[in-house]
Amino acid sequence: MNHHDIENNWTEDLSRQFMDYGRYFVPERELQMHLIAGLLSDLDPKAFLVELCCGEGLLTEVLLENHPLFTILALDGSIEMLDKAQHRLSRFSKRCQCQLFDLASDSWRGFKFSVDAIVSSLAIHHLTGPLKQVLFQDLYKLLSPGGLLIIADVLEVASMAGRKLAADEWDRAVRQRSFDLDGNYKAFEFFEREGWNMHRHLDPNDIDKPSPIFSQLKWLENAGFIQIDVNWLLAGHAIFSARKPLD
């Protein structure tokens, strides 16, 4: 089944907006990327990874720099983001390949080669809960025994009090980042004006379909994963990981 028509509402305008403002809007962005690199440290030094929705290649770059023998297939649904990624990652030559794909489609979920790890940052929340469950099952099948899945994403916060806390923390992080990078609050003002903080402004008809962390951890367990952990959490954003058992 191809879910393209109902799930892929991302536009190149949104890609450009995220490339312009992601540095402000993603809490502890650099730390998140380095934490993901650290979580991959027990893989074979020559591991092969797939990144789902690589964007402009920032995480891919960190992983290739920190693990000099890794090779990565970087996938994204935005032509403009892939162009940026290819330019950024060109210095890694054959260690990285960028390809266009549609996350919601199942047409790419049949690799004929061994995959040691799959990583994804700020992408899977665009899928509905049922489609996340199918994706986790498919990713389990794609991974080699002992393979690692790492997801960094924004969450649905279950309680009203928790949602307010996450929203306030996200505002605080963006406000501070705006001042630290630019010495003013223009980026934060844009963040507020555009209603980017989905903990405060979530529209059920929007492209964002975050799911609670507890639900996602259970879906990973149901798919067969073990060693399921939450590795980092802030402002309703999390890094969580899981491993496919050895044969």
C-alpha atoms as a PDB file:
ATOM      1  CA  MET A   1       0.000   0.000   0.000  1.00  0.00           C
ATOM      2  CA  ASN A   2       1.180   3.523  -0.750  1.00  0.00           C
ATOM      3  CA  HIS A   3      -0.017   6.114   1.757  1.00  0.00           C
ATOM      4  CA  HIS A   4       1.433   9.026  -0.224  1.00  0.00           C
ATOM      5  CA  ASP A   5      -1.846  10.796  -0.912  1.00  0.00           C
ATOM      6  CA  ILE A   6      -2.992  10.966   2.691  1.00  0.00           C
ATOM      7  CA  GLU A   7       0.300  11.505   4.474  1.00  0.00           C
ATOM      8  CA  ASN A   8       2.718  13.532   2.340  1.00  0.00           C
ATOM      9  CA  ASN A   9       1.624  17.134   2.818  1.00  0.00           C
ATOM     10  CA  TRP A  10       5.132  18.500   3.242  1.00  0.00           C
ATOM     11  CA  THR A  11       6.034  21.266   0.804  1.00  0.00           C
ATOM     12  CA  GLU A  12       9.269  22.827  -0.383  1.00  0.00           C
ATOM     13  CA  ASP A  13       8.162  26.057   1.307  1.00  0.00           C
ATOM     14  CA  LEU A  14       8.149  24.187   4.613  1.00  0.00           C
ATOM     15  CA  SER A  15      11.579  22.757   3.773  1.00  0.00           C
ATOM     16  CA  ARG A  16      12.952  26.245   3.236  1.00  0.00           C
ATOM     17  CA  GLN A  17      11.326  27.495   6.442  1.00  0.00           C
ATOM     18  CA  PHE A  18      12.813  24.640   8.449  1.00  0.00           C
ATOM     19  CA  MET A  19      16.259  25.137   6.938  1.00  0.00           C
ATOM     20  CA  ASP A  20      16.044  28.819   7.877  1.00  0.00           C
ATOM     21  CA  TYR A  21      14.716  28.339  11.410  1.00  0.00           C
ATOM     22  CA  GLY A  22      15.621  24.811  12.505  1.00  0.00           C
ATOM     23  CA  ARG A  23      18.715  26.114  14.276  1.00  0.00           C
ATOM     24  CA  TYR A  24      16.427  28.062  16.601  1.00  0.00           C
ATOM     25  CA  PHE A  25      13.419  25.766  16.888  1.00  0.00           C
ATOM     26  CA  VAL A  26      14.986  22.360  17.669  1.00  0.00           C
ATOM     27  CA  PRO A  27      15.810  22.123  21.396  1.00  0.00           C
ATOM     28  CA  GLU A  28      19.484  21.382  22.056  1.00  0.00           C
ATOM     29  CA  ARG A  29      19.945  20.476  18.404  1.00  0.00           C
ATOM     30  CA  GLU A  30      23.710  19.935  18.460  1.00  0.00           C
ATOM     31  CA  LEU A  31      23.543  17.927  21.676  1.00  0.00           C
ATOM     32  CA  GLN A  32      20.848  15.686  20.204  1.00  0.00           C
ATOM     33  CA  MET A  33      23.007  14.895  17.174  1.00  0.00           C
ATOM     34  CA  HIS A  34      26.039  14.063  19.303  1.00  0.00           C
ATOM     35  CA  LEU A  35      23.938  11.878  21.625  1.00  0.00           C
ATOM     36  CA  ILE A  36      22.741   9.900  18.610  1.00  0.00           C
ATOM     37  CA  ALA A  37      26.339   9.507  17.457  1.00  0.00           C
ATOM     38  CA  GLY A  38      27.227   8.192  20.910  1.00  0.00           C
ATOM     39  CA  LEU A  39      24.383   5.676  20.911  1.00  0.00           C
ATOM     40  CA  LEU A  40      25.846   4.161  17.740  1.00  0.00           C
ATOM     41  CA  SER A  41      29.283   3.636  19.273  1.00  0.00           C
ATOM     42  CA  ASP A  42      28.837  -0.082  19.951  1.00  0.00           C
ATOM     43  CA  LEU A  43      28.137  -0.927  16.309  1.00  0.00           C
ATOM     44  CA  ASP A  44      30.717  -2.479  14.029  1.00  0.00           C
ATOM     45  CA  PRO A  45      33.127   0.340  13.036  1.00  0.00           C
ATOM     46  CA  LYS A  46      32.232  -0.321   9.375  1.00  0.00           C
ATOM     47  CA  ALA A  47      28.468  -0.278   9.967  1.00  0.00           C
ATOM     48  CA  PHE A  48      25.982   0.639   7.251  1.00  0.00           C
ATOM     49  CA  LEU A  49      23.197   3.031   8.307  1.00  0.00           C
ATOM     50  CA  VAL A  50      20.001   4.362   6.783  1.00  0.00           C
ATOM     51  CA  GLU A  51      18.757   7.794   7.787  1.00  0.00           C
ATOM     52  CA  LEU A  52      15.071   8.498   7.270  1.00  0.00           C
ATOM     53  CA  CYS A  53      14.396  12.134   6.362  1.00  0.00           C
ATOM     54  CA  CYS A  54      17.952  13.447   6.471  1.00  0.00           C
ATOM     55  CA  GLY A  55      16.942  17.045   5.732  1.00  0.00           C
ATOM     56  CA  GLU A  56      19.945  19.147   4.799  1.00  0.00           C
ATOM     57  CA  GLY A  57      22.355  16.497   6.107  1.00  0.00           C
ATOM     58  CA  LEU A  58      23.307  17.908   9.509  1.00  0.00           C
ATOM     59  CA  LEU A  59      22.903  14.663  11.467  1.00  0.00           C
ATOM     60  CA  THR A  60      24.448  12.611   8.665  1.00  0.00           C
ATOM     61  CA  GLU A  61      27.481  14.884   8.763  1.00  0.00           C
ATOM     62  CA  VAL A  62      27.913  14.448  12.529  1.00  0.00           C
ATOM     63  CA  LEU A  63      27.620  10.665  12.249  1.00  0.00           C
ATOM     64  CA  LEU A  64      30.147  10.432   9.429  1.00  0.00           C
ATOM     65  CA  GLU A  65      32.567  12.712  11.278  1.00  0.00           C
ATOM     66  CA  ASN A  66      32.284  10.776  14.544  1.00  0.00           C
ATOM     67  CA  HIS A  67      32.436   7.326  12.937  1.00  0.00           C
ATOM     68  CA  PRO A  68      34.988   7.545  10.116  1.00  0.00           C
ATOM     69  CA  LEU A  69      34.267   4.070   8.687  1.00  0.00           C
ATOM     70  CA  PHE A  70      30.447   4.285   8.662  1.00  0.00           C
ATOM     71  CA  THR A  71      28.562   4.471   5.380  1.00  0.00           C
ATOM     72  CA  ILE A  72      25.101   6.020   5.227  1.00  0.00           C
ATOM     73  CA  LEU A  73      22.160   6.010   2.835  1.00  0.00           C
ATOM     74  CA  ALA A  74      20.438   9.339   3.493  1.00  0.00           C
ATOM     75  CA  LEU A  75      16.784   9.529   2.389  1.00  0.00           C
ATOM     76  CA  ASP A  76      14.507  12.545   2.201  1.00  0.00           C
ATOM     77  CA  GLY A  77      11.267  13.596   0.543  1.00  0.00           C
ATOM     78  CA  SER A  78      12.351  17.156  -0.272  1.00  0.00           C
ATOM     79  CA  ILE A  79      14.342  17.859  -3.423  1.00  0.00           C
ATOM     80  CA  GLU A  80      15.656  21.123  -1.993  1.00  0.00           C
ATOM     81  CA  MET A  81      16.780  19.495   1.236  1.00  0.00           C
ATOM     82  CA  LEU A  82      18.473  16.669  -0.661  1.00  0.00           C
ATOM     83  CA  ASP A  83      20.331  19.195  -2.816  1.00  0.00           C
ATOM     84  CA  LYS A  84      21.598  20.873   0.352  1.00  0.00           C
ATOM     85  CA  ALA A  85      22.526  17.513   1.854  1.00  0.00           C
ATOM     86  CA  GLN A  86      24.421  16.377  -1.235  1.00  0.00           C
ATOM     87  CA  HIS A  87      26.440  19.588  -1.249  1.00  0.00           C
ATOM     88  CA  ARG A  88      27.167  19.345   2.487  1.00  0.00           C
ATOM     89  CA  LEU A  89      28.109  15.667   2.364  1.00  0.00           C
ATOM     90  CA  SER A  90      30.069  15.628  -0.906  1.00  0.00           C
ATOM     91  CA  ARG A  91      33.379  15.592   0.982  1.00  0.00           C
ATOM     92  CA  PHE A  92      32.554  12.112   2.304  1.00  0.00           C
ATOM     93  CA  SER A  93      32.548  10.717  -1.251  1.00  0.00           C
ATOM     94  CA  LYS A  94      31.418   7.074  -1.404  1.00  0.00           C
ATOM     95  CA  ARG A  95      30.630   6.900   2.308  1.00  0.00           C
ATOM     96  CA  CYS A  96      27.288   8.643   1.775  1.00  0.00           C
ATOM     97  CA  GLN A  97      24.553   8.402  -0.827  1.00  0.00           C
ATOM     98  CA  CYS A  98      21.441  10.629  -0.898  1.00  0.00           C
ATOM     99  CA  GLN A  99      18.145   9.460  -2.394  1.00  0.00           C
ATOM    100  CA  LEU A 100      14.617  10.820  -2.736  1.00  0.00           C
ATOM    101  CA  PHE A 101      11.864   8.844  -0.995  1.00  0.00           C
ATOM    102  CA  ASP A 102       8.426   9.127   0.603  1.00  0.00           C
ATOM    103  CA  LEU A 103       8.409   8.132   4.274  1.00  0.00           C
ATOM    104  CA  ALA A 104       4.720   7.170   4.211  1.00  0.00           C
ATOM    105  CA  SER A 105       5.094   4.883   1.203  1.00  0.00           C
ATOM    106  CA  ASP A 106       6.166   1.266   1.599  1.00  0.00           C
ATOM    107  CA  SER A 107       7.895   1.210  -1.799  1.00  0.00           C
ATOM    108  CA  TRP A 108      11.364   1.762  -0.250  1.00  0.00           C
ATOM    109  CA  ARG A 109      10.965  -0.758   2.577  1.00  0.00           C
ATOM    110  CA  GLY A 110      12.629  -3.734   0.917  1.00  0.00           C
ATOM    111  CA  PHE A 111      16.393  -3.282   0.963  1.00  0.00           C
ATOM    112  CA  LYS A 112      18.381  -6.178  -0.465  1.00  0.00           C
ATOM    113  CA  PHE A 113      21.390  -5.378   1.718  1.00  0.00           C
ATOM    114  CA  SER A 114      22.235  -5.588   5.413  1.00  0.00           C
ATOM    115  CA  VAL A 115      21.306  -2.550   7.553  1.00  0.00           C
ATOM    116  CA  ASP A 116      23.106  -2.180  10.898  1.00  0.00           C
ATOM    117  CA  ALA A 117      21.190   0.871  12.120  1.00  0.00           C
ATOM    118  CA  ILE A 118      18.323   3.154  11.158  1.00  0.00           C
ATOM    119  CA  VAL A 119      18.118   6.709  12.486  1.00  0.00           C
ATOM    120  CA  SER A 120      15.499   9.408  12.068  1.00  0.00           C
ATOM    121  CA  SER A 121      15.167  12.922  13.417  1.00  0.00           C
ATOM    122  CA  LEU A 122      11.998  15.049  13.482  1.00  0.00           C
ATOM    123  CA  ALA A 123      10.138  13.135  10.788  1.00  0.00           C
ATOM    124  CA  ILE A 124       8.109  10.192  12.044  1.00  0.00           C
ATOM    125  CA  HIS A 125       5.648  12.486  13.849  1.00  0.00           C
ATOM    126  CA  HIS A 126       4.209  13.300  10.414  1.00  0.00           C
ATOM    127  CA  LEU A 127       2.703   9.797  10.331  1.00  0.00           C
ATOM    128  CA  THR A 128      -0.509   8.886  12.148  1.00  0.00           C
ATOM    129  CA  GLY A 129      -0.347   6.416  15.013  1.00  0.00           C
ATOM    130  CA  PRO A 130      -1.396   3.393  12.906  1.00  0.00           C
ATOM    131  CA  LEU A 131       1.169   4.250  10.234  1.00  0.00           C
ATOM    132  CA  LYS A 132       3.887   4.605  12.867  1.00  0.00           C
ATOM    133  CA  GLN A 133       3.063   1.089  14.027  1.00  0.00           C
ATOM    134  CA  VAL A 134       3.391  -0.269  10.492  1.00  0.00           C
ATOM    135  CA  LEU A 135       6.638   1.649  10.011  1.00  0.00           C
ATOM    136  CA  PHE A 136       8.145   0.202  13.202  1.00  0.00           C
ATOM    137  CA  GLN A 137       7.243  -3.308  12.066  1.00  0.00           C
ATOM    138  CA  ASP A 138       8.827  -2.684   8.669  1.00  0.00           C
ATOM    139  CA  LEU A 139      11.978  -1.165  10.183  1.00  0.00           C
ATOM    140  CA  TYR A 140      12.336  -4.230  12.390  1.00  0.00           C
ATOM    141  CA  LYS A 141      12.342  -6.406   9.276  1.00  0.00           C
ATOM    142  CA  LEU A 142      14.898  -4.185   7.528  1.00  0.00           C
ATOM    143  CA  LEU A 143      17.447  -4.304  10.340  1.00  0.00           C
ATOM    144  CA  SER A 144      20.056  -7.016  10.667  1.00  0.00           C
ATOM    145  CA  PRO A 145      20.004  -9.077  13.879  1.00  0.00           C
ATOM    146  CA  GLY A 146      21.405  -6.866  16.632  1.00  0.00           C
ATOM    147  CA  GLY A 147      20.608  -3.766  14.564  1.00  0.00           C
ATOM    148  CA  LEU A 148      19.767  -0.464  16.240  1.00  0.00           C
ATOM    149  CA  LEU A 149      16.881   1.953  15.694  1.00  0.00           C
ATOM    150  CA  ILE A 150      17.223   5.521  17.004  1.00  0.00           C
ATOM    151  CA  ILE A 151      14.430   8.076  16.742  1.00  0.00           C
ATOM    152  CA  ALA A 152      14.570  11.744  17.719  1.00  0.00           C
ATOM    153  CA  ASP A 153      11.156  13.348  17.529  1.00  0.00           C
ATOM    154  CA  VAL A 154       8.530  15.623  18.973  1.00  0.00           C
ATOM    155  CA  LEU A 155       5.869  13.902  21.067  1.00  0.00           C
ATOM    156  CA  GLU A 156       2.243  14.229  21.985  1.00  0.00           C
ATOM    157  CA  VAL A 157       2.178  15.026  25.694  1.00  0.00           C
ATOM    158  CA  ALA A 158      -0.646  13.119  27.366  1.00  0.00           C
ATOM    159  CA  SER A 159      -1.704  15.387  30.238  1.00  0.00           C
ATOM    160  CA  MET A 160      -2.776  19.024  30.161  1.00  0.00           C
ATOM    161  CA  ALA A 161      -0.268  19.952  32.871  1.00  0.00           C
ATOM    162  CA  GLY A 162       2.513  18.113  31.052  1.00  0.00           C
ATOM    163  CA  ARG A 163       1.543  19.761  27.770  1.00  0.00           C
ATOM    164  CA  LYS A 164       1.764  23.222  29.325  1.00  0.00           C
ATOM    165  CA  LEU A 165       5.140  22.397  30.832  1.00  0.00           C
ATOM    166  CA  ALA A 166       6.450  21.142  27.487  1.00  0.00           C
ATOM    167  CA  ALA A 167       5.081  24.200  25.679  1.00  0.00           C
ATOM    168  CA  ASP A 168       6.661  26.593  28.184  1.00  0.00           C
ATOM    169  CA  GLU A 169       9.990  24.783  28.003  1.00  0.00           C
ATOM    170  CA  TRP A 170       9.953  24.863  24.202  1.00  0.00           C
ATOM    171  CA  ASP A 171       9.222  28.604  24.219  1.00  0.00           C
ATOM    172  CA  ARG A 172      12.032  29.151  26.706  1.00  0.00           C
ATOM    173  CA  ALA A 173      14.508  27.138  24.625  1.00  0.00           C
ATOM    174  CA  VAL A 174      13.683  28.962  21.386  1.00  0.00           C
ATOM    175  CA  ARG A 175      13.747  32.372  23.055  1.00  0.00           C
ATOM    176  CA  GLN A 176      17.176  31.683  24.538  1.00  0.00           C
ATOM    177  CA  ARG A 177      18.504  30.263  21.289  1.00  0.00           C
ATOM    178  CA  SER A 178      17.267  33.284  19.362  1.00  0.00           C
ATOM    179  CA  PHE A 179      19.158  35.613  21.670  1.00  0.00           C
ATOM    180  CA  ASP A 180      22.291  33.444  21.823  1.00  0.00           C
ATOM    181  CA  LEU A 181      22.623  33.232  18.035  1.00  0.00           C
ATOM    182  CA  ASP A 182      21.439  36.673  16.960  1.00  0.00           C
ATOM    183  CA  GLY A 183      21.361  38.904  20.019  1.00  0.00           C
ATOM    184  CA  ASN A 184      17.648  39.536  19.480  1.00  0.00           C
ATOM    185  CA  TYR A 185      14.313  37.711  19.668  1.00  0.00           C
ATOM    186  CA  LYS A 186      13.201  37.894  16.025  1.00  0.00           C
ATOM    187  CA  ALA A 187      13.370  34.125  15.510  1.00  0.00           C
ATOM    188  CA  PHE A 188      11.359  33.545  18.679  1.00  0.00           C
ATOM    189  CA  GLU A 189       8.791  36.092  17.564  1.00  0.00           C
ATOM    190  CA  PHE A 190       8.445  34.203  14.270  1.00  0.00           C
ATOM    191  CA  PHE A 191       8.096  30.942  16.236  1.00  0.00           C
ATOM    192  CA  GLU A 192       5.227  32.479  18.210  1.00  0.00           C
ATOM    193  CA  ARG A 193       3.593  34.193  15.246  1.00  0.00           C
ATOM    194  CA  GLU A 194       3.548  31.015  13.157  1.00  0.00           C
ATOM    195  CA  GLY A 195       2.154  28.907  16.013  1.00  0.00           C
ATOM    196  CA  TRP A 196       5.081  26.501  15.672  1.00  0.00           C
ATOM    197  CA  ASN A 197       4.803  25.229  19.247  1.00  0.00           C
ATOM    198  CA  MET A 198       2.483  22.285  18.650  1.00  0.00           C
ATOM    199  CA  HIS A 199       2.143  21.617  22.380  1.00  0.00           C
ATOM    200  CA  ARG A 200       0.248  24.898  22.514  1.00  0.00           C
ATOM    201  CA  HIS A 201      -1.215  25.122  19.005  1.00  0.00           C
ATOM    202  CA  LEU A 202      -1.684  21.556  17.728  1.00  0.00           C
ATOM    203  CA  ASP A 203      -4.187  21.433  14.877  1.00  0.00           C
ATOM    204  CA  PRO A 204      -5.559  17.904  14.267  1.00  0.00           C
ATOM    205  CA  ASN A 205      -5.803  18.753  10.564  1.00  0.00           C
ATOM    206  CA  ASP A 206      -2.166  19.844  10.350  1.00  0.00           C
ATOM    207  CA  ILE A 207       0.712  17.734   9.000  1.00  0.00           C
ATOM    208  CA  ASP A 208       1.975  17.094  12.540  1.00  0.00           C
ATOM    209  CA  LYS A 209       0.640  13.857  14.068  1.00  0.00           C
ATOM    210  CA  PRO A 210       2.722  13.356  17.231  1.00  0.00           C
ATOM    211  CA  SER A 211       2.111  10.321  19.413  1.00  0.00           C
ATOM    212  CA  PRO A 212       2.746   9.784  23.148  1.00  0.00           C
ATOM    213  CA  ILE A 213       6.114   8.337  24.095  1.00  0.00           C
ATOM    214  CA  PHE A 214       4.505   5.454  26.006  1.00  0.00           C
ATOM    215  CA  SER A 215       2.508   4.408  22.940  1.00  0.00           C
ATOM    216  CA  GLN A 216       5.569   4.481  20.714  1.00  0.00           C
ATOM    217  CA  LEU A 217       7.648   2.412  23.132  1.00  0.00           C
ATOM    218  CA  LYS A 218       4.843  -0.178  23.245  1.00  0.00           C
ATOM    219  CA  TRP A 219       4.634  -0.218  19.446  1.00  0.00           C
ATOM    220  CA  LEU A 220       8.369  -0.890  19.302  1.00  0.00           C
ATOM    221  CA  GLU A 221       7.971  -3.756  21.774  1.00  0.00           C
ATOM    222  CA  ASN A 222       5.059  -5.172  19.782  1.00  0.00           C
ATOM    223  CA  ALA A 223       7.198  -5.057  16.647  1.00  0.00           C
ATOM    224  CA  GLY A 224       9.757  -7.295  18.366  1.00  0.00           C
ATOM    225  CA  PHE A 225      12.382  -4.803  19.543  1.00  0.00           C
ATOM    226  CA  ILE A 226      14.257  -5.177  22.842  1.00  0.00           C
ATOM    227  CA  GLN A 227      16.479  -2.836  24.904  1.00  0.00           C
ATOM    228  CA  ILE A 228      13.947  -0.042  24.421  1.00  0.00           C
ATOM    229  CA  ASP A 229      15.120   3.154  26.086  1.00  0.00           C
ATOM    230  CA  VAL A 230      14.362   6.859  26.322  1.00  0.00           C
ATOM    231  CA  ASN A 231      17.808   8.434  26.069  1.00  0.00           C
ATOM    232  CA  TRP A 232      16.975  12.143  26.253  1.00  0.00           C
ATOM    233  CA  LEU A 233      13.841  14.232  26.869  1.00  0.00           C
ATOM    234  CA  LEU A 234      13.202  17.982  26.855  1.00  0.00           C
ATOM    235  CA  ALA A 235      10.285  20.262  25.962  1.00  0.00           C
ATOM    236  CA  GLY A 236       8.172  17.400  24.629  1.00  0.00           C
ATOM    237  CA  HIS A 237      11.004  16.180  22.379  1.00  0.00           C
ATOM    238  CA  ALA A 238      12.736  12.842  22.908  1.00  0.00           C
ATOM    239  CA  ILE A 239      15.450  10.542  21.663  1.00  0.00           C
ATOM    240  CA  PHE A 240      14.485   6.898  22.068  1.00  0.00           C
ATOM    241  CA  SER A 241      16.126   3.728  20.820  1.00  0.00           C
ATOM    242  CA  ALA A 242      15.553   0.013  20.432  1.00  0.00           C
ATOM    243  CA  ARG A 243      17.485  -3.014  19.232  1.00  0.00           C
ATOM    244  CA  LYS A 244      16.556  -6.017  17.135  1.00  0.00           C
ATOM    245  CA  PRO A 245      17.464  -9.235  18.984  1.00  0.00           C
ATOM    246  CA  LEU A 246      20.344 -11.364  17.776  1.00  0.00           C
ATOM    247  CA  ASP A 247      19.388 -14.611  16.079  1.00  0.00           C
END
